[in-house]
Amino acid sequence: MAEYDDKTLAFLKRVLEAIMFVSNEPLDIARIKEITGAPHLLVVQALAQLEEEFQPGVRGIVLRKTDQSYKMVTSRDVSPVLEEYFEVNKKMRLSRAMLEILAIVAYKAPITRAEIEDIRGVDASSQLIRLQELNLVKVVGQKEVPGRPNLYSTTDNFLEHFNLGSLSDLPPIEEIRQMFSEDDTFE
């Protein structure tokens, strides 16, 4: 792997830290390269060093990696202080219906509202709207069938909220079915 001088690497790390601090969305390596003009290996080196420097318990901000994207987020251990300071209740209140829909979307995405309703047996439109407002579910396209219904998937915010690196970190569906074996919701 090519090595870059300390000055170049240090500058890119400061740039990445600033970009990720102000960005509302996670950034993948391709987008970082596009913004900075830095070569791939330099970006990878800078991100690896930032991951080490911004670990939980070390600073008030941590570098969170979800799938192949990176984002600066508040460290969980300082969140209670921030909530009090800003008088914000960060806890999302999710109804059982919303949790069921989230589980269906997480395991079956991309999926249409009608497909969700077929699984649940009841209307899902209001819960899907609320999950979009909470930035846990998003429209990722349209299904190539008559009427071209929206396709839904989870967001990076979903991964962050449930402390997942990617959807592959979800427990196997069979484990979920066993947990709810007395409840026909997941059948």
N, C-alpha and C. Protein backbone atom coordinates (compact mmCIF):
# COMPACT_ATOMS: atom_id res chain seq x y z
N MET A 1 0.85 -1.17 0.00
CA MET A 1 0.00 0.00 0.00
C MET A 1 0.89 1.23 0.00
N ALA A 2 0.56 2.20 -0.83
CA ALA A 2 1.34 3.43 -0.92
C ALA A 2 1.24 4.21 0.38
N GLU A 3 2.34 4.82 0.75
CA GLU A 3 2.37 5.64 1.96
C GLU A 3 2.38 7.11 1.54
N TYR A 4 1.70 7.93 2.29
CA TYR A 4 1.66 9.36 2.03
C TYR A 4 2.32 10.08 3.18
N ASP A 5 2.92 11.25 2.89
CA ASP A 5 3.62 11.96 3.95
C ASP A 5 2.64 12.40 5.03
N ASP A 6 3.18 12.55 6.24
CA ASP A 6 2.35 12.86 7.41
C ASP A 6 1.57 14.15 7.24
N LYS A 7 2.15 15.14 6.60
CA LYS A 7 1.49 16.43 6.43
C LYS A 7 0.24 16.30 5.54
N THR A 8 0.36 15.56 4.45
CA THR A 8 -0.77 15.36 3.53
C THR A 8 -1.88 14.56 4.21
N LEU A 9 -1.48 13.50 4.91
CA LEU A 9 -2.44 12.66 5.61
C LEU A 9 -3.15 13.44 6.72
N ALA A 10 -2.39 14.22 7.48
CA ALA A 10 -2.97 15.02 8.56
C ALA A 10 -3.97 16.04 8.02
N PHE A 11 -3.63 16.67 6.90
CA PHE A 11 -4.54 17.65 6.32
C PHE A 11 -5.83 16.98 5.85
N LEU A 12 -5.72 15.84 5.17
CA LEU A 12 -6.92 15.14 4.70
C LEU A 12 -7.78 14.71 5.88
N LYS A 13 -7.18 14.24 6.96
CA LYS A 13 -7.95 13.86 8.14
C LYS A 13 -8.73 15.06 8.68
N ARG A 14 -8.10 16.23 8.74
CA ARG A 14 -8.81 17.43 9.22
C ARG A 14 -9.96 17.79 8.30
N VAL A 15 -9.73 17.67 6.98
CA VAL A 15 -10.78 17.96 6.00
C VAL A 15 -11.94 16.98 6.16
N LEU A 16 -11.62 15.69 6.28
CA LEU A 16 -12.67 14.67 6.43
C LEU A 16 -13.45 14.88 7.73
N GLU A 17 -12.75 15.20 8.79
CA GLU A 17 -13.41 15.45 10.07
C GLU A 17 -14.40 16.61 9.93
N ALA A 18 -13.99 17.68 9.28
CA ALA A 18 -14.86 18.84 9.10
C ALA A 18 -16.04 18.51 8.20
N ILE A 19 -15.79 17.82 7.10
CA ILE A 19 -16.87 17.47 6.17
C ILE A 19 -17.90 16.59 6.87
N MET A 20 -17.44 15.56 7.57
CA MET A 20 -18.37 14.64 8.22
C MET A 20 -19.08 15.30 9.40
N PHE A 21 -18.44 16.28 10.02
CA PHE A 21 -19.06 17.00 11.13
C PHE A 21 -20.27 17.81 10.64
N VAL A 22 -20.17 18.43 9.47
CA VAL A 22 -21.25 19.28 8.97
C VAL A 22 -22.24 18.55 8.07
N SER A 23 -21.88 17.36 7.60
CA SER A 23 -22.75 16.62 6.69
C SER A 23 -23.93 16.01 7.43
N ASN A 24 -25.10 16.09 6.83
CA ASN A 24 -26.28 15.46 7.39
C ASN A 24 -26.39 13.99 7.01
N GLU A 25 -25.63 13.58 6.01
CA GLU A 25 -25.72 12.22 5.50
C GLU A 25 -24.38 11.51 5.62
N PRO A 26 -24.40 10.20 5.78
CA PRO A 26 -23.13 9.46 5.75
C PRO A 26 -22.48 9.59 4.38
N LEU A 27 -21.17 9.54 4.34
CA LEU A 27 -20.42 9.68 3.09
C LEU A 27 -19.65 8.40 2.81
N ASP A 28 -19.74 7.91 1.57
CA ASP A 28 -18.96 6.74 1.22
C ASP A 28 -17.63 7.19 0.61
N ILE A 29 -16.74 6.25 0.40
CA ILE A 29 -15.39 6.58 -0.08
C ILE A 29 -15.45 7.27 -1.44
N ALA A 30 -16.33 6.80 -2.32
CA ALA A 30 -16.42 7.42 -3.65
C ALA A 30 -16.80 8.90 -3.53
N ARG A 31 -17.75 9.22 -2.65
CA ARG A 31 -18.17 10.61 -2.47
C ARG A 31 -17.05 11.43 -1.83
N ILE A 32 -16.33 10.85 -0.88
CA ILE A 32 -15.21 11.56 -0.24
C ILE A 32 -14.14 11.87 -1.28
N LYS A 33 -13.83 10.89 -2.14
CA LYS A 33 -12.84 11.12 -3.20
C LYS A 33 -13.31 12.23 -4.14
N GLU A 34 -14.60 12.23 -4.45
CA GLU A 34 -15.16 13.25 -5.34
C GLU A 34 -15.04 14.64 -4.72
N ILE A 35 -15.33 14.76 -3.43
CA ILE A 35 -15.28 16.05 -2.74
C ILE A 35 -13.85 16.55 -2.58
N THR A 36 -12.95 15.65 -2.16
CA THR A 36 -11.59 16.07 -1.82
C THR A 36 -10.60 15.98 -2.96
N GLY A 37 -10.88 15.12 -3.94
CA GLY A 37 -9.91 14.90 -5.01
C GLY A 37 -8.75 14.03 -4.58
N ALA A 38 -8.83 13.46 -3.38
CA ALA A 38 -7.74 12.63 -2.85
C ALA A 38 -7.78 11.24 -3.47
N PRO A 39 -6.62 10.62 -3.63
CA PRO A 39 -6.59 9.24 -4.16
C PRO A 39 -7.18 8.25 -3.17
N HIS A 40 -7.64 7.14 -3.71
CA HIS A 40 -8.34 6.11 -2.92
C HIS A 40 -7.54 5.68 -1.69
N LEU A 41 -6.29 5.31 -1.88
CA LEU A 41 -5.49 4.79 -0.77
C LEU A 41 -5.29 5.82 0.33
N LEU A 42 -5.15 7.10 -0.05
CA LEU A 42 -5.00 8.16 0.95
C LEU A 42 -6.29 8.31 1.76
N VAL A 43 -7.43 8.24 1.09
CA VAL A 43 -8.72 8.32 1.78
C VAL A 43 -8.87 7.15 2.75
N VAL A 44 -8.53 5.95 2.30
CA VAL A 44 -8.63 4.77 3.15
C VAL A 44 -7.73 4.90 4.37
N GLN A 45 -6.50 5.37 4.19
CA GLN A 45 -5.58 5.55 5.31
C GLN A 45 -6.13 6.59 6.30
N ALA A 46 -6.63 7.70 5.77
CA ALA A 46 -7.15 8.76 6.64
C ALA A 46 -8.36 8.26 7.43
N LEU A 47 -9.26 7.54 6.78
CA LEU A 47 -10.44 7.01 7.47
C LEU A 47 -10.05 5.99 8.54
N ALA A 48 -9.07 5.15 8.24
CA ALA A 48 -8.62 4.16 9.22
C ALA A 48 -8.07 4.85 10.47
N GLN A 49 -7.29 5.91 10.27
CA GLN A 49 -6.74 6.64 11.41
C GLN A 49 -7.85 7.37 12.18
N LEU A 50 -8.80 7.95 11.45
CA LEU A 50 -9.91 8.63 12.13
C LEU A 50 -10.75 7.65 12.94
N GLU A 51 -10.95 6.43 12.40
CA GLU A 51 -11.70 5.41 13.14
C GLU A 51 -11.02 5.10 14.48
N GLU A 52 -9.68 5.04 14.46
CA GLU A 52 -8.95 4.79 15.71
C GLU A 52 -9.06 5.96 16.68
N GLU A 53 -8.98 7.17 16.15
CA GLU A 53 -8.99 8.36 16.99
C GLU A 53 -10.37 8.69 17.55
N PHE A 54 -11.42 8.37 16.81
CA PHE A 54 -12.78 8.71 17.21
C PHE A 54 -13.55 7.47 17.63
N GLN A 55 -13.03 6.75 18.60
CA GLN A 55 -13.69 5.56 19.13
C GLN A 55 -14.57 5.95 20.31
N PRO A 56 -15.61 5.16 20.58
CA PRO A 56 -16.45 5.42 21.75
C PRO A 56 -15.62 5.44 23.03
N GLY A 57 -15.95 6.37 23.91
CA GLY A 57 -15.26 6.47 25.19
C GLY A 57 -14.01 7.32 25.16
N VAL A 58 -13.59 7.75 23.97
CA VAL A 58 -12.38 8.56 23.85
C VAL A 58 -12.74 10.03 23.66
N ARG A 59 -13.73 10.29 22.82
CA ARG A 59 -14.16 11.66 22.51
C ARG A 59 -15.68 11.74 22.59
N GLY A 60 -16.18 12.97 22.54
CA GLY A 60 -17.62 13.19 22.56
C GLY A 60 -18.29 12.89 21.23
N ILE A 61 -17.48 12.80 20.19
CA ILE A 61 -17.98 12.48 18.85
C ILE A 61 -17.25 11.22 18.40
N VAL A 62 -17.99 10.31 17.76
CA VAL A 62 -17.38 9.08 17.25
C VAL A 62 -17.60 9.00 15.74
N LEU A 63 -16.72 8.27 15.08
CA LEU A 63 -16.87 8.02 13.65
C LEU A 63 -17.63 6.72 13.50
N ARG A 64 -18.85 6.80 12.97
CA ARG A 64 -19.72 5.63 12.81
C ARG A 64 -19.63 5.16 11.37
N LYS A 65 -19.36 3.88 11.18
CA LYS A 65 -19.33 3.28 9.85
C LYS A 65 -20.57 2.42 9.70
N THR A 66 -21.36 2.68 8.65
CA THR A 66 -22.53 1.86 8.34
C THR A 66 -22.38 1.41 6.90
N ASP A 67 -22.42 0.12 6.69
CA ASP A 67 -22.12 -0.46 5.38
C ASP A 67 -20.78 0.10 4.91
N GLN A 68 -20.76 0.89 3.87
CA GLN A 68 -19.51 1.46 3.36
C GLN A 68 -19.49 2.98 3.51
N SER A 69 -20.32 3.53 4.40
CA SER A 69 -20.40 4.98 4.59
C SER A 69 -19.92 5.35 5.99
N TYR A 70 -19.52 6.61 6.12
CA TYR A 70 -18.98 7.12 7.38
C TYR A 70 -19.72 8.38 7.78
N LYS A 71 -19.87 8.56 9.10
CA LYS A 71 -20.54 9.75 9.61
C LYS A 71 -20.07 10.02 11.04
N MET A 72 -19.92 11.30 11.37
CA MET A 72 -19.60 11.68 12.74
C MET A 72 -20.91 11.79 13.50
N VAL A 73 -20.97 11.13 14.65
CA VAL A 73 -22.17 11.15 15.49
C VAL A 73 -21.76 11.36 16.94
N THR A 74 -22.71 11.77 17.74
CA THR A 74 -22.47 11.97 19.17
C THR A 74 -22.24 10.63 19.84
N SER A 75 -21.26 10.58 20.72
CA SER A 75 -20.98 9.38 21.49
C SER A 75 -22.15 9.11 22.43
N ARG A 76 -22.56 7.85 22.53
CA ARG A 76 -23.72 7.49 23.35
C ARG A 76 -23.56 7.92 24.82
N ASP A 77 -22.34 7.86 25.34
CA ASP A 77 -22.17 8.17 26.75
C ASP A 77 -22.38 9.65 27.09
N VAL A 78 -22.30 10.53 26.10
CA VAL A 78 -22.54 11.96 26.37
C VAL A 78 -23.95 12.40 25.96
N SER A 79 -24.68 11.51 25.33
CA SER A 79 -26.04 11.85 24.87
C SER A 79 -26.95 12.38 25.97
N PRO A 80 -26.98 11.77 27.16
CA PRO A 80 -27.88 12.29 28.20
C PRO A 80 -27.61 13.76 28.56
N VAL A 81 -26.34 14.14 28.55
CA VAL A 81 -26.00 15.53 28.86
C VAL A 81 -26.51 16.45 27.75
N LEU A 82 -26.32 16.03 26.51
CA LEU A 82 -26.80 16.84 25.38
C LEU A 82 -28.31 16.95 25.38
N GLU A 83 -28.99 15.84 25.67
CA GLU A 83 -30.45 15.87 25.71
C GLU A 83 -30.93 16.88 26.74
N GLU A 84 -30.30 16.88 27.89
CA GLU A 84 -30.68 17.84 28.92
C GLU A 84 -30.36 19.26 28.49
N TYR A 85 -29.19 19.44 27.89
CA TYR A 85 -28.77 20.78 27.45
C TYR A 85 -29.75 21.34 26.43
N PHE A 86 -30.11 20.54 25.46
CA PHE A 86 -31.01 21.00 24.41
C PHE A 86 -32.47 20.74 24.74
N GLU A 87 -32.72 20.13 25.91
CA GLU A 87 -34.07 19.79 26.32
C GLU A 87 -34.80 19.02 25.23
N VAL A 88 -34.10 18.03 24.73
CA VAL A 88 -34.63 17.21 23.64
C VAL A 88 -34.76 15.78 24.12
N ASN A 89 -35.90 15.18 23.84
CA ASN A 89 -36.07 13.77 24.13
C ASN A 89 -35.73 13.00 22.86
N LYS A 90 -34.57 12.36 22.84
CA LYS A 90 -34.09 11.67 21.64
C LYS A 90 -34.74 10.30 21.44
N LYS A 91 -35.45 9.83 22.43
CA LYS A 91 -36.03 8.49 22.32
C LYS A 91 -37.20 8.51 21.34
N MET A 92 -37.15 7.62 20.37
CA MET A 92 -38.25 7.48 19.43
C MET A 92 -39.29 6.55 20.03
N ARG A 93 -40.50 6.96 19.99
CA ARG A 93 -41.60 6.11 20.44
C ARG A 93 -42.14 5.36 19.23
N LEU A 94 -41.90 4.07 19.20
CA LEU A 94 -42.35 3.26 18.07
C LEU A 94 -43.44 2.31 18.56
N SER A 95 -44.58 2.38 17.90
CA SER A 95 -45.69 1.48 18.24
C SER A 95 -45.34 0.06 17.79
N ARG A 96 -46.11 -0.89 18.28
CA ARG A 96 -45.91 -2.28 17.86
C ARG A 96 -46.09 -2.41 16.35
N ALA A 97 -47.08 -1.72 15.80
CA ALA A 97 -47.32 -1.78 14.35
C ALA A 97 -46.12 -1.23 13.58
N MET A 98 -45.54 -0.14 14.08
CA MET A 98 -44.37 0.45 13.42
C MET A 98 -43.17 -0.50 13.50
N LEU A 99 -42.99 -1.15 14.64
CA LEU A 99 -41.90 -2.11 14.78
C LEU A 99 -42.08 -3.30 13.85
N GLU A 100 -43.33 -3.77 13.71
CA GLU A 100 -43.61 -4.87 12.79
C GLU A 100 -43.25 -4.48 11.36
N ILE A 101 -43.66 -3.28 10.97
CA ILE A 101 -43.39 -2.82 9.61
C ILE A 101 -41.89 -2.65 9.41
N LEU A 102 -41.20 -2.10 10.39
CA LEU A 102 -39.74 -1.95 10.31
C LEU A 102 -39.07 -3.31 10.11
N ALA A 103 -39.51 -4.30 10.86
CA ALA A 103 -38.93 -5.64 10.73
C ALA A 103 -39.18 -6.19 9.34
N ILE A 104 -40.39 -6.03 8.84
CA ILE A 104 -40.72 -6.53 7.50
C ILE A 104 -39.84 -5.83 6.46
N VAL A 105 -39.74 -4.52 6.54
CA VAL A 105 -38.93 -3.77 5.58
C VAL A 105 -37.46 -4.18 5.69
N ALA A 106 -36.96 -4.31 6.91
CA ALA A 106 -35.54 -4.66 7.10
C ALA A 106 -35.22 -6.02 6.49
N TYR A 107 -36.11 -6.98 6.63
CA TYR A 107 -35.84 -8.33 6.15
C TYR A 107 -36.25 -8.56 4.70
N LYS A 108 -37.20 -7.79 4.18
CA LYS A 108 -37.74 -8.07 2.85
C LYS A 108 -37.44 -6.98 1.81
N ALA A 109 -36.76 -5.91 2.19
CA ALA A 109 -36.52 -4.78 1.29
C ALA A 109 -35.77 -5.20 0.04
N PRO A 110 -36.06 -4.54 -1.07
CA PRO A 110 -37.08 -3.52 -1.25
C PRO A 110 -38.47 -4.15 -1.34
N ILE A 111 -39.44 -3.47 -0.75
CA ILE A 111 -40.78 -4.02 -0.63
C ILE A 111 -41.81 -2.90 -0.80
N THR A 112 -42.96 -3.24 -1.38
CA THR A 112 -44.02 -2.25 -1.57
C THR A 112 -44.95 -2.23 -0.35
N ARG A 113 -45.75 -1.18 -0.26
CA ARG A 113 -46.73 -1.07 0.82
C ARG A 113 -47.73 -2.22 0.75
N ALA A 114 -48.17 -2.55 -0.47
CA ALA A 114 -49.13 -3.65 -0.63
C ALA A 114 -48.54 -4.98 -0.16
N GLU A 115 -47.27 -5.21 -0.42
CA GLU A 115 -46.62 -6.44 0.04
C GLU A 115 -46.52 -6.47 1.56
N ILE A 116 -46.24 -5.31 2.16
CA ILE A 116 -46.21 -5.22 3.63
C ILE A 116 -47.59 -5.54 4.18
N GLU A 117 -48.62 -4.96 3.56
CA GLU A 117 -50.00 -5.18 4.01
C GLU A 117 -50.43 -6.63 3.83
N ASP A 118 -49.94 -7.29 2.77
CA ASP A 118 -50.24 -8.71 2.57
C ASP A 118 -49.66 -9.54 3.72
N ILE A 119 -48.47 -9.18 4.17
CA ILE A 119 -47.83 -9.91 5.27
C ILE A 119 -48.55 -9.64 6.58
N ARG A 120 -48.85 -8.37 6.84
CA ARG A 120 -49.48 -7.99 8.12
C ARG A 120 -50.98 -8.21 8.14
N GLY A 121 -51.62 -8.10 6.99
CA GLY A 121 -53.06 -8.29 6.93
C GLY A 121 -53.85 -7.03 7.26
N VAL A 122 -53.16 -5.91 7.46
CA VAL A 122 -53.84 -4.63 7.75
C VAL A 122 -53.12 -3.49 7.04
N ASP A 123 -53.80 -2.35 6.96
CA ASP A 123 -53.26 -1.16 6.31
C ASP A 123 -51.97 -0.71 6.99
N ALA A 124 -50.99 -0.30 6.18
CA ALA A 124 -49.70 0.13 6.72
C ALA A 124 -49.35 1.56 6.32
N SER A 125 -50.26 2.26 5.65
CA SER A 125 -49.91 3.56 5.08
C SER A 125 -49.53 4.60 6.13
N SER A 126 -50.29 4.74 7.20
CA SER A 126 -49.97 5.78 8.19
C SER A 126 -48.67 5.47 8.92
N GLN A 127 -48.41 4.20 9.20
CA GLN A 127 -47.17 3.84 9.88
C GLN A 127 -45.97 4.06 8.95
N LEU A 128 -46.13 3.77 7.67
CA LEU A 128 -45.03 4.01 6.73
C LEU A 128 -44.71 5.50 6.63
N ILE A 129 -45.74 6.32 6.63
CA ILE A 129 -45.51 7.77 6.60
C ILE A 129 -44.74 8.21 7.83
N ARG A 130 -45.15 7.72 9.01
CA ARG A 130 -44.47 8.09 10.26
C ARG A 130 -43.03 7.58 10.27
N LEU A 131 -42.80 6.37 9.77
CA LEU A 131 -41.44 5.83 9.72
C LEU A 131 -40.55 6.63 8.77
N GLN A 132 -41.14 7.16 7.70
CA GLN A 132 -40.39 8.04 6.80
C GLN A 132 -40.08 9.36 7.51
N GLU A 133 -41.04 9.91 8.25
CA GLU A 133 -40.81 11.14 9.00
C GLU A 133 -39.68 10.97 10.01
N LEU A 134 -39.59 9.79 10.61
CA LEU A 134 -38.53 9.50 11.58
C LEU A 134 -37.22 9.10 10.91
N ASN A 135 -37.22 9.08 9.58
CA ASN A 135 -36.05 8.74 8.78
C ASN A 135 -35.53 7.33 9.09
N LEU A 136 -36.47 6.39 9.28
CA LEU A 136 -36.11 5.00 9.48
C LEU A 136 -36.37 4.17 8.23
N VAL A 137 -37.27 4.66 7.38
CA VAL A 137 -37.64 4.01 6.13
C VAL A 137 -37.63 5.06 5.03
N LYS A 138 -37.25 4.65 3.83
CA LYS A 138 -37.23 5.58 2.69
C LYS A 138 -37.71 4.88 1.43
N VAL A 139 -38.13 5.68 0.46
CA VAL A 139 -38.49 5.17 -0.85
C VAL A 139 -37.20 5.02 -1.65
N VAL A 140 -36.98 3.83 -2.21
CA VAL A 140 -35.74 3.57 -2.94
C VAL A 140 -35.98 3.34 -4.44
N GLY A 141 -37.22 3.48 -4.86
CA GLY A 141 -37.53 3.28 -6.28
C GLY A 141 -38.97 2.91 -6.44
N GLN A 142 -39.28 2.42 -7.64
CA GLN A 142 -40.64 1.99 -7.94
C GLN A 142 -40.57 0.61 -8.57
N LYS A 143 -41.51 -0.23 -8.21
CA LYS A 143 -41.57 -1.59 -8.74
C LYS A 143 -42.09 -1.54 -10.17
N GLU A 144 -41.49 -2.32 -11.04
CA GLU A 144 -41.85 -2.35 -12.46
C GLU A 144 -43.07 -3.22 -12.69
N VAL A 145 -44.20 -2.78 -12.14
CA VAL A 145 -45.49 -3.43 -12.33
C VAL A 145 -46.51 -2.33 -12.58
N PRO A 146 -47.71 -2.67 -13.07
CA PRO A 146 -48.71 -1.63 -13.28
C PRO A 146 -48.95 -0.80 -12.02
N GLY A 147 -49.01 0.51 -12.18
CA GLY A 147 -49.19 1.43 -11.07
C GLY A 147 -47.87 1.88 -10.47
N ARG A 148 -46.79 1.19 -10.79
CA ARG A 148 -45.44 1.51 -10.32
C ARG A 148 -45.42 1.95 -8.84
N PRO A 149 -45.80 1.02 -7.93
CA PRO A 149 -45.80 1.38 -6.50
C PRO A 149 -44.39 1.63 -5.97
N ASN A 150 -44.30 2.46 -4.95
CA ASN A 150 -43.03 2.76 -4.32
C ASN A 150 -42.45 1.51 -3.66
N LEU A 151 -41.13 1.42 -3.70
CA LEU A 151 -40.39 0.38 -2.99
C LEU A 151 -39.75 1.01 -1.77
N TYR A 152 -39.87 0.35 -0.63
CA TYR A 152 -39.34 0.88 0.63
C TYR A 152 -38.16 0.06 1.11
N SER A 153 -37.23 0.75 1.77
CA SER A 153 -36.09 0.11 2.39
C SER A 153 -35.75 0.89 3.65
N THR A 154 -34.88 0.34 4.48
CA THR A 154 -34.45 1.04 5.68
C THR A 154 -33.39 2.08 5.32
N THR A 155 -33.12 2.98 6.26
CA THR A 155 -32.15 4.05 6.05
C THR A 155 -30.90 3.80 6.90
N ASP A 156 -29.88 4.62 6.67
CA ASP A 156 -28.70 4.57 7.54
C ASP A 156 -29.08 4.96 8.96
N ASN A 157 -30.08 5.84 9.09
CA ASN A 157 -30.55 6.23 10.42
C ASN A 157 -31.13 5.02 11.16
N PHE A 158 -31.80 4.12 10.44
CA PHE A 158 -32.29 2.87 11.02
C PHE A 158 -31.12 2.08 11.60
N LEU A 159 -30.05 1.95 10.79
CA LEU A 159 -28.88 1.21 11.25
C LEU A 159 -28.29 1.86 12.50
N GLU A 160 -28.18 3.18 12.49
CA GLU A 160 -27.64 3.90 13.64
C GLU A 160 -28.53 3.73 14.87
N HIS A 161 -29.85 3.89 14.68
CA HIS A 161 -30.79 3.81 15.81
C HIS A 161 -30.74 2.45 16.49
N PHE A 162 -30.59 1.39 15.70
CA PHE A 162 -30.57 0.04 16.25
C PHE A 162 -29.14 -0.49 16.41
N ASN A 163 -28.16 0.42 16.26
CA ASN A 163 -26.75 0.10 16.48
C ASN A 163 -26.29 -1.08 15.63
N LEU A 164 -26.59 -1.01 14.33
CA LEU A 164 -26.21 -2.05 13.38
C LEU A 164 -25.20 -1.48 12.39
N GLY A 165 -24.22 -2.27 12.01
CA GLY A 165 -23.28 -1.84 10.98
C GLY A 165 -23.89 -1.97 9.60
N SER A 166 -24.70 -3.01 9.42
CA SER A 166 -25.40 -3.24 8.16
C SER A 166 -26.58 -4.16 8.45
N LEU A 167 -27.43 -4.36 7.45
CA LEU A 167 -28.59 -5.24 7.64
C LEU A 167 -28.17 -6.69 7.88
N SER A 168 -26.96 -7.04 7.46
CA SER A 168 -26.49 -8.40 7.70
C SER A 168 -26.26 -8.66 9.19
N ASP A 169 -26.22 -7.60 10.01
CA ASP A 169 -26.08 -7.77 11.46
C ASP A 169 -27.40 -8.11 12.14
N LEU A 170 -28.50 -8.08 11.40
CA LEU A 170 -29.79 -8.47 11.98
C LEU A 170 -29.77 -9.94 12.35
N PRO A 171 -30.47 -10.33 13.40
CA PRO A 171 -30.52 -11.76 13.73
C PRO A 171 -31.25 -12.52 12.62
N PRO A 172 -30.95 -13.80 12.47
CA PRO A 172 -31.64 -14.59 11.44
C PRO A 172 -33.15 -14.56 11.67
N ILE A 173 -33.92 -14.55 10.59
CA ILE A 173 -35.37 -14.46 10.68
C ILE A 173 -35.95 -15.60 11.50
N GLU A 174 -35.33 -16.77 11.46
CA GLU A 174 -35.81 -17.91 12.25
C GLU A 174 -35.72 -17.61 13.75
N GLU A 175 -34.70 -16.89 14.16
CA GLU A 175 -34.56 -16.50 15.57
C GLU A 175 -35.69 -15.55 15.97
N ILE A 176 -36.05 -14.66 15.08
CA ILE A 176 -37.16 -13.73 15.33
C ILE A 176 -38.46 -14.51 15.42
N ARG A 177 -38.66 -15.45 14.50
CA ARG A 177 -39.89 -16.26 14.52
C ARG A 177 -40.02 -17.03 15.82
N GLN A 178 -38.92 -17.55 16.34
CA GLN A 178 -38.96 -18.29 17.60
C GLN A 178 -39.35 -17.37 18.75
N MET A 179 -38.84 -16.13 18.73
CA MET A 179 -39.16 -15.17 19.79
C MET A 179 -40.66 -14.87 19.82
N PHE A 180 -41.28 -14.90 18.64
CA PHE A 180 -42.70 -14.55 18.54
C PHE A 180 -43.54 -15.77 18.15
N SER A 181 -43.11 -16.95 18.53
CA SER A 181 -43.79 -18.17 18.10
C SER A 181 -45.24 -18.22 18.55
N GLU A 182 -45.58 -17.58 19.66
CA GLU A 182 -46.95 -17.57 20.12
C GLU A 182 -47.77 -16.45 19.47
N ASP A 183 -47.11 -15.63 18.67
CA ASP A 183 -47.77 -14.48 18.01
C ASP A 183 -47.71 -14.73 16.52
N ASP A 184 -48.86 -14.72 15.84
CA ASP A 184 -48.88 -15.02 14.41
C ASP A 184 -48.50 -13.84 13.54
N THR A 185 -48.02 -12.75 14.11
CA THR A 185 -47.67 -11.55 13.34
C THR A 185 -46.61 -11.83 12.29
N PHE A 186 -45.63 -12.66 12.61
CA PHE A 186 -44.52 -12.89 11.69
C PHE A 186 -44.70 -14.14 10.85
N GLU A 187 -45.82 -14.75 10.89
CA GLU A 187 -46.06 -15.95 10.10
C GLU A 187 -46.36 -15.61 8.67
